[in-house]
Amino acid sequence: MSAPTVDGADAEARATNRARFELELEFVQSLANPFYLHSLAQQNILNQPAFVKFLEYLQYWRGKDYARFIHYPHALHHLELLQHARFRNEIGKDEWREYLNQKQFDHWRTW
């Protein structure tokens, strides 16, 4: 008995899903970097309505089925902080970026 074959449409859908998964994983993990968050804020990206909805959509990464793929746990914490307008506004300030960077460093240093 031979193994079941995957038709072309199914294979294409799987490849598309995998590419989307990898792209979203890479983006979520980039949120662990306070300097990247600061850059997004400086470019006025963080408060664009479509981007805010995208951040809300990405909350699924906090579930155990997806969180297990995250290598930088601060990414999930920052994703949660980004749900708040005040944080999205304040991270654009140099002192907030430095504060977040220092807190992250202190956490890693004492873990």
N, C-alpha and C. Protein backbone atom coordinates (compact mmCIF):
# COMPACT_ATOMS: atom_id res chain seq x y z
N MET A 1 0.84 -1.17 0.00
CA MET A 1 0.00 0.00 0.00
C MET A 1 0.89 1.24 0.00
N SER A 2 0.61 2.16 -0.87
CA SER A 2 1.43 3.36 -0.97
C SER A 2 0.88 4.46 -0.06
N ALA A 3 1.76 5.38 0.25
CA ALA A 3 1.37 6.52 1.11
C ALA A 3 0.42 7.42 0.34
N PRO A 4 -0.52 8.06 1.07
CA PRO A 4 -1.44 8.98 0.39
C PRO A 4 -0.68 10.14 -0.23
N THR A 5 -1.12 10.58 -1.38
CA THR A 5 -0.47 11.70 -2.05
C THR A 5 -1.21 12.99 -1.74
N VAL A 6 -0.49 14.05 -1.79
CA VAL A 6 -1.07 15.37 -1.57
C VAL A 6 -1.25 16.03 -2.92
N ASP A 7 -2.48 16.43 -3.22
CA ASP A 7 -2.69 17.06 -4.52
C ASP A 7 -2.06 18.45 -4.55
N GLY A 8 -1.93 19.01 -5.71
CA GLY A 8 -1.26 20.29 -5.90
C GLY A 8 -1.86 21.43 -5.10
N ALA A 9 -3.19 21.51 -5.04
CA ALA A 9 -3.86 22.59 -4.32
C ALA A 9 -3.58 22.49 -2.83
N ASP A 10 -3.60 21.27 -2.29
CA ASP A 10 -3.33 21.08 -0.87
C ASP A 10 -1.89 21.43 -0.54
N ALA A 11 -0.97 21.02 -1.39
CA ALA A 11 0.44 21.32 -1.19
C ALA A 11 0.68 22.82 -1.24
N GLU A 12 0.01 23.49 -2.14
CA GLU A 12 0.16 24.95 -2.25
C GLU A 12 -0.40 25.65 -1.02
N ALA A 13 -1.54 25.18 -0.52
CA ALA A 13 -2.14 25.77 0.68
C ALA A 13 -1.23 25.56 1.89
N ARG A 14 -0.64 24.37 1.99
CA ARG A 14 0.28 24.10 3.10
C ARG A 14 1.51 25.00 3.03
N ALA A 15 2.04 25.19 1.84
CA ALA A 15 3.22 26.05 1.66
C ALA A 15 2.87 27.50 2.02
N THR A 16 1.70 27.94 1.62
CA THR A 16 1.26 29.30 1.94
C THR A 16 1.09 29.47 3.44
N ASN A 17 0.47 28.48 4.09
CA ASN A 17 0.29 28.54 5.54
C ASN A 17 1.62 28.55 6.28
N ARG A 18 2.56 27.74 5.81
CA ARG A 18 3.88 27.69 6.45
C ARG A 18 4.61 29.02 6.30
N ALA A 19 4.53 29.61 5.12
CA ALA A 19 5.19 30.90 4.89
C ALA A 19 4.58 31.97 5.79
N ARG A 20 3.27 31.97 5.92
CA ARG A 20 2.61 32.95 6.79
C ARG A 20 3.02 32.73 8.24
N PHE A 21 3.04 31.48 8.68
CA PHE A 21 3.46 31.15 10.04
C PHE A 21 4.87 31.67 10.30
N GLU A 22 5.79 31.39 9.39
CA GLU A 22 7.18 31.82 9.58
C GLU A 22 7.32 33.34 9.59
N LEU A 23 6.59 34.00 8.72
CA LEU A 23 6.64 35.47 8.66
C LEU A 23 6.09 36.09 9.94
N GLU A 24 4.96 35.59 10.41
CA GLU A 24 4.38 36.13 11.64
C GLU A 24 5.23 35.80 12.86
N LEU A 25 5.82 34.61 12.89
CA LEU A 25 6.72 34.24 13.98
C LEU A 25 7.92 35.18 14.03
N GLU A 26 8.51 35.43 12.88
CA GLU A 26 9.66 36.34 12.82
C GLU A 26 9.27 37.74 13.29
N PHE A 27 8.11 38.22 12.87
CA PHE A 27 7.68 39.54 13.27
C PHE A 27 7.42 39.60 14.77
N VAL A 28 6.70 38.63 15.31
CA VAL A 28 6.39 38.64 16.74
C VAL A 28 7.69 38.62 17.55
N GLN A 29 8.65 37.81 17.13
CA GLN A 29 9.91 37.75 17.86
C GLN A 29 10.68 39.07 17.78
N SER A 30 10.51 39.79 16.70
CA SER A 30 11.20 41.08 16.58
C SER A 30 10.67 42.09 17.61
N LEU A 31 9.47 41.85 18.12
CA LEU A 31 8.90 42.76 19.11
C LEU A 31 9.64 42.70 20.44
N ALA A 32 10.51 41.73 20.62
CA ALA A 32 11.32 41.65 21.85
C ALA A 32 12.37 42.75 21.90
N ASN A 33 12.65 43.37 20.77
CA ASN A 33 13.71 44.38 20.68
C ASN A 33 13.15 45.79 20.93
N PRO A 34 13.49 46.42 22.07
CA PRO A 34 13.00 47.77 22.35
C PRO A 34 13.39 48.79 21.29
N PHE A 35 14.54 48.60 20.66
CA PHE A 35 14.97 49.54 19.63
C PHE A 35 14.10 49.42 18.37
N TYR A 36 13.65 48.22 18.08
CA TYR A 36 12.73 48.02 16.96
C TYR A 36 11.38 48.67 17.26
N LEU A 37 10.89 48.47 18.47
CA LEU A 37 9.62 49.10 18.87
C LEU A 37 9.73 50.62 18.78
N HIS A 38 10.84 51.14 19.23
CA HIS A 38 11.08 52.58 19.18
C HIS A 38 11.07 53.06 17.72
N SER A 39 11.71 52.31 16.85
CA SER A 39 11.74 52.67 15.43
C SER A 39 10.34 52.67 14.83
N LEU A 40 9.54 51.67 15.15
CA LEU A 40 8.16 51.63 14.65
C LEU A 40 7.38 52.85 15.14
N ALA A 41 7.60 53.22 16.40
CA ALA A 41 6.90 54.39 16.96
C ALA A 41 7.37 55.67 16.27
N GLN A 42 8.66 55.79 16.04
CA GLN A 42 9.21 56.97 15.39
C GLN A 42 8.68 57.14 13.97
N GLN A 43 8.33 56.04 13.33
CA GLN A 43 7.79 56.08 11.97
C GLN A 43 6.26 56.22 11.97
N ASN A 44 5.69 56.40 13.16
CA ASN A 44 4.23 56.53 13.32
C ASN A 44 3.46 55.32 12.80
N ILE A 45 4.04 54.16 12.95
CA ILE A 45 3.39 52.93 12.51
C ILE A 45 2.52 52.34 13.61
N LEU A 46 2.97 52.45 14.86
CA LEU A 46 2.29 51.77 15.96
C LEU A 46 0.85 52.18 16.18
N ASN A 47 0.49 53.39 15.84
CA ASN A 47 -0.87 53.86 16.10
C ASN A 47 -1.76 53.88 14.85
N GLN A 48 -1.27 53.37 13.75
CA GLN A 48 -2.12 53.27 12.57
C GLN A 48 -3.20 52.22 12.85
N PRO A 49 -4.46 52.54 12.59
CA PRO A 49 -5.56 51.61 12.92
C PRO A 49 -5.37 50.20 12.37
N ALA A 50 -4.88 50.06 11.17
CA ALA A 50 -4.68 48.73 10.60
C ALA A 50 -3.60 47.97 11.37
N PHE A 51 -2.57 48.68 11.80
CA PHE A 51 -1.48 48.04 12.54
C PHE A 51 -1.96 47.63 13.94
N VAL A 52 -2.77 48.47 14.56
CA VAL A 52 -3.33 48.15 15.89
C VAL A 52 -4.17 46.88 15.79
N LYS A 53 -4.96 46.77 14.73
CA LYS A 53 -5.77 45.55 14.52
C LYS A 53 -4.86 44.33 14.29
N PHE A 54 -3.77 44.54 13.57
CA PHE A 54 -2.82 43.46 13.34
C PHE A 54 -2.21 42.99 14.66
N LEU A 55 -1.85 43.93 15.53
CA LEU A 55 -1.31 43.56 16.84
C LEU A 55 -2.33 42.79 17.66
N GLU A 56 -3.57 43.17 17.54
CA GLU A 56 -4.64 42.45 18.24
C GLU A 56 -4.78 41.03 17.68
N TYR A 57 -4.72 40.91 16.37
CA TYR A 57 -4.79 39.61 15.71
C TYR A 57 -3.65 38.69 16.19
N LEU A 58 -2.47 39.25 16.38
CA LEU A 58 -1.30 38.46 16.75
C LEU A 58 -1.35 37.90 18.17
N GLN A 59 -2.36 38.24 18.93
CA GLN A 59 -2.50 37.74 20.29
C GLN A 59 -2.56 36.21 20.34
N TYR A 60 -2.93 35.59 19.25
CA TYR A 60 -3.00 34.12 19.25
C TYR A 60 -1.64 33.49 19.58
N TRP A 61 -0.55 34.24 19.37
CA TRP A 61 0.79 33.72 19.67
C TRP A 61 0.99 33.50 21.16
N ARG A 62 0.14 34.09 21.98
CA ARG A 62 0.27 33.93 23.43
C ARG A 62 -0.29 32.59 23.90
N GLY A 63 -1.04 31.90 23.06
CA GLY A 63 -1.56 30.57 23.39
C GLY A 63 -0.46 29.53 23.37
N LYS A 64 -0.60 28.48 24.17
CA LYS A 64 0.48 27.49 24.31
C LYS A 64 0.83 26.78 23.00
N ASP A 65 -0.13 26.63 22.11
CA ASP A 65 0.17 25.96 20.85
C ASP A 65 1.14 26.74 19.97
N TYR A 66 1.18 28.05 20.16
CA TYR A 66 2.05 28.90 19.35
C TYR A 66 3.23 29.44 20.15
N ALA A 67 3.01 29.75 21.42
CA ALA A 67 4.07 30.34 22.25
C ALA A 67 5.29 29.44 22.34
N ARG A 68 5.10 28.16 22.17
CA ARG A 68 6.24 27.23 22.27
C ARG A 68 7.28 27.45 21.17
N PHE A 69 6.90 28.17 20.11
CA PHE A 69 7.84 28.45 19.02
C PHE A 69 8.64 29.74 19.25
N ILE A 70 8.27 30.52 20.24
CA ILE A 70 8.90 31.80 20.52
C ILE A 70 10.22 31.58 21.27
N HIS A 71 11.30 32.12 20.74
CA HIS A 71 12.62 32.00 21.37
C HIS A 71 12.91 33.16 22.31
N TYR A 72 12.22 34.28 22.13
CA TYR A 72 12.46 35.48 22.93
C TYR A 72 11.18 35.82 23.68
N PRO A 73 11.03 35.33 24.93
CA PRO A 73 9.78 35.51 25.67
C PRO A 73 9.35 36.96 25.86
N HIS A 74 10.30 37.89 25.85
CA HIS A 74 9.92 39.30 25.98
C HIS A 74 9.03 39.74 24.82
N ALA A 75 9.11 39.05 23.71
CA ALA A 75 8.26 39.39 22.56
C ALA A 75 6.79 39.30 22.95
N LEU A 76 6.42 38.28 23.71
CA LEU A 76 5.02 38.12 24.10
C LEU A 76 4.61 39.18 25.12
N HIS A 77 5.53 39.53 26.00
CA HIS A 77 5.25 40.61 26.96
C HIS A 77 5.05 41.93 26.23
N HIS A 78 5.93 42.22 25.30
CA HIS A 78 5.82 43.46 24.53
C HIS A 78 4.58 43.47 23.65
N LEU A 79 4.21 42.31 23.12
CA LEU A 79 2.97 42.22 22.35
C LEU A 79 1.79 42.60 23.22
N GLU A 80 1.79 42.17 24.46
CA GLU A 80 0.72 42.55 25.39
C GLU A 80 0.77 44.05 25.65
N LEU A 81 1.95 44.61 25.91
CA LEU A 81 2.06 46.05 26.16
C LEU A 81 1.58 46.87 24.96
N LEU A 82 1.83 46.37 23.77
CA LEU A 82 1.43 47.09 22.56
C LEU A 82 -0.08 47.16 22.37
N GLN A 83 -0.82 46.42 23.16
CA GLN A 83 -2.28 46.50 23.09
C GLN A 83 -2.79 47.81 23.72
N HIS A 84 -1.91 48.51 24.42
CA HIS A 84 -2.28 49.73 25.15
C HIS A 84 -1.75 50.97 24.43
N ALA A 85 -2.65 51.90 24.16
CA ALA A 85 -2.30 53.13 23.43
C ALA A 85 -1.20 53.91 24.14
N ARG A 86 -1.24 53.95 25.46
CA ARG A 86 -0.21 54.72 26.19
C ARG A 86 1.18 54.16 25.90
N PHE A 87 1.32 52.85 25.95
CA PHE A 87 2.62 52.25 25.67
C PHE A 87 3.05 52.55 24.23
N ARG A 88 2.13 52.41 23.29
CA ARG A 88 2.47 52.68 21.88
C ARG A 88 2.93 54.12 21.70
N ASN A 89 2.38 55.05 22.46
CA ASN A 89 2.80 56.45 22.37
C ASN A 89 4.14 56.69 23.06
N GLU A 90 4.30 56.11 24.24
CA GLU A 90 5.49 56.39 25.05
C GLU A 90 6.76 55.72 24.52
N ILE A 91 6.64 54.56 23.89
CA ILE A 91 7.84 53.86 23.42
C ILE A 91 8.58 54.64 22.34
N GLY A 92 7.94 55.64 21.78
CA GLY A 92 8.60 56.49 20.80
C GLY A 92 9.58 57.47 21.41
N LYS A 93 9.55 57.58 22.73
CA LYS A 93 10.47 58.48 23.44
C LYS A 93 11.75 57.72 23.79
N ASP A 94 12.87 58.41 23.62
CA ASP A 94 14.17 57.78 23.89
C ASP A 94 14.26 57.23 25.31
N GLU A 95 13.75 57.98 26.29
CA GLU A 95 13.88 57.53 27.68
C GLU A 95 13.05 56.27 27.95
N TRP A 96 11.93 56.11 27.27
CA TRP A 96 11.13 54.89 27.43
C TRP A 96 11.85 53.71 26.79
N ARG A 97 12.43 53.94 25.63
CA ARG A 97 13.19 52.87 24.97
C ARG A 97 14.33 52.41 25.87
N GLU A 98 15.04 53.37 26.44
CA GLU A 98 16.16 53.02 27.31
C GLU A 98 15.69 52.32 28.58
N TYR A 99 14.57 52.79 29.14
CA TYR A 99 14.01 52.16 30.33
C TYR A 99 13.65 50.70 30.04
N LEU A 100 12.95 50.47 28.94
CA LEU A 100 12.54 49.12 28.56
C LEU A 100 13.77 48.25 28.28
N ASN A 101 14.74 48.80 27.62
CA ASN A 101 15.97 48.08 27.32
C ASN A 101 16.69 47.68 28.61
N GLN A 102 16.76 48.61 29.56
CA GLN A 102 17.44 48.33 30.84
C GLN A 102 16.68 47.27 31.63
N LYS A 103 15.36 47.36 31.67
CA LYS A 103 14.56 46.37 32.39
C LYS A 103 14.75 44.98 31.78
N GLN A 104 14.79 44.93 30.47
CA GLN A 104 15.01 43.66 29.79
C GLN A 104 16.39 43.10 30.12
N PHE A 105 17.38 43.95 30.08
CA PHE A 105 18.75 43.53 30.41
C PHE A 105 18.82 43.02 31.85
N ASP A 106 18.20 43.76 32.77
CA ASP A 106 18.22 43.36 34.18
C ASP A 106 17.54 42.00 34.37
N HIS A 107 16.48 41.77 33.65
CA HIS A 107 15.79 40.48 33.74
C HIS A 107 16.72 39.36 33.27
N TRP A 108 17.35 39.54 32.12
CA TRP A 108 18.25 38.51 31.60
C TRP A 108 19.44 38.29 32.53
N ARG A 109 19.95 39.39 33.10
CA ARG A 109 21.14 39.32 33.96
C ARG A 109 20.86 38.52 35.22
N THR A 110 19.65 38.64 35.74
CA THR A 110 19.34 38.01 37.04
C THR A 110 18.54 36.72 36.91
N TRP A 111 18.23 36.32 35.70
CA TRP A 111 17.43 35.13 35.53
C TRP A 111 18.23 33.96 35.97
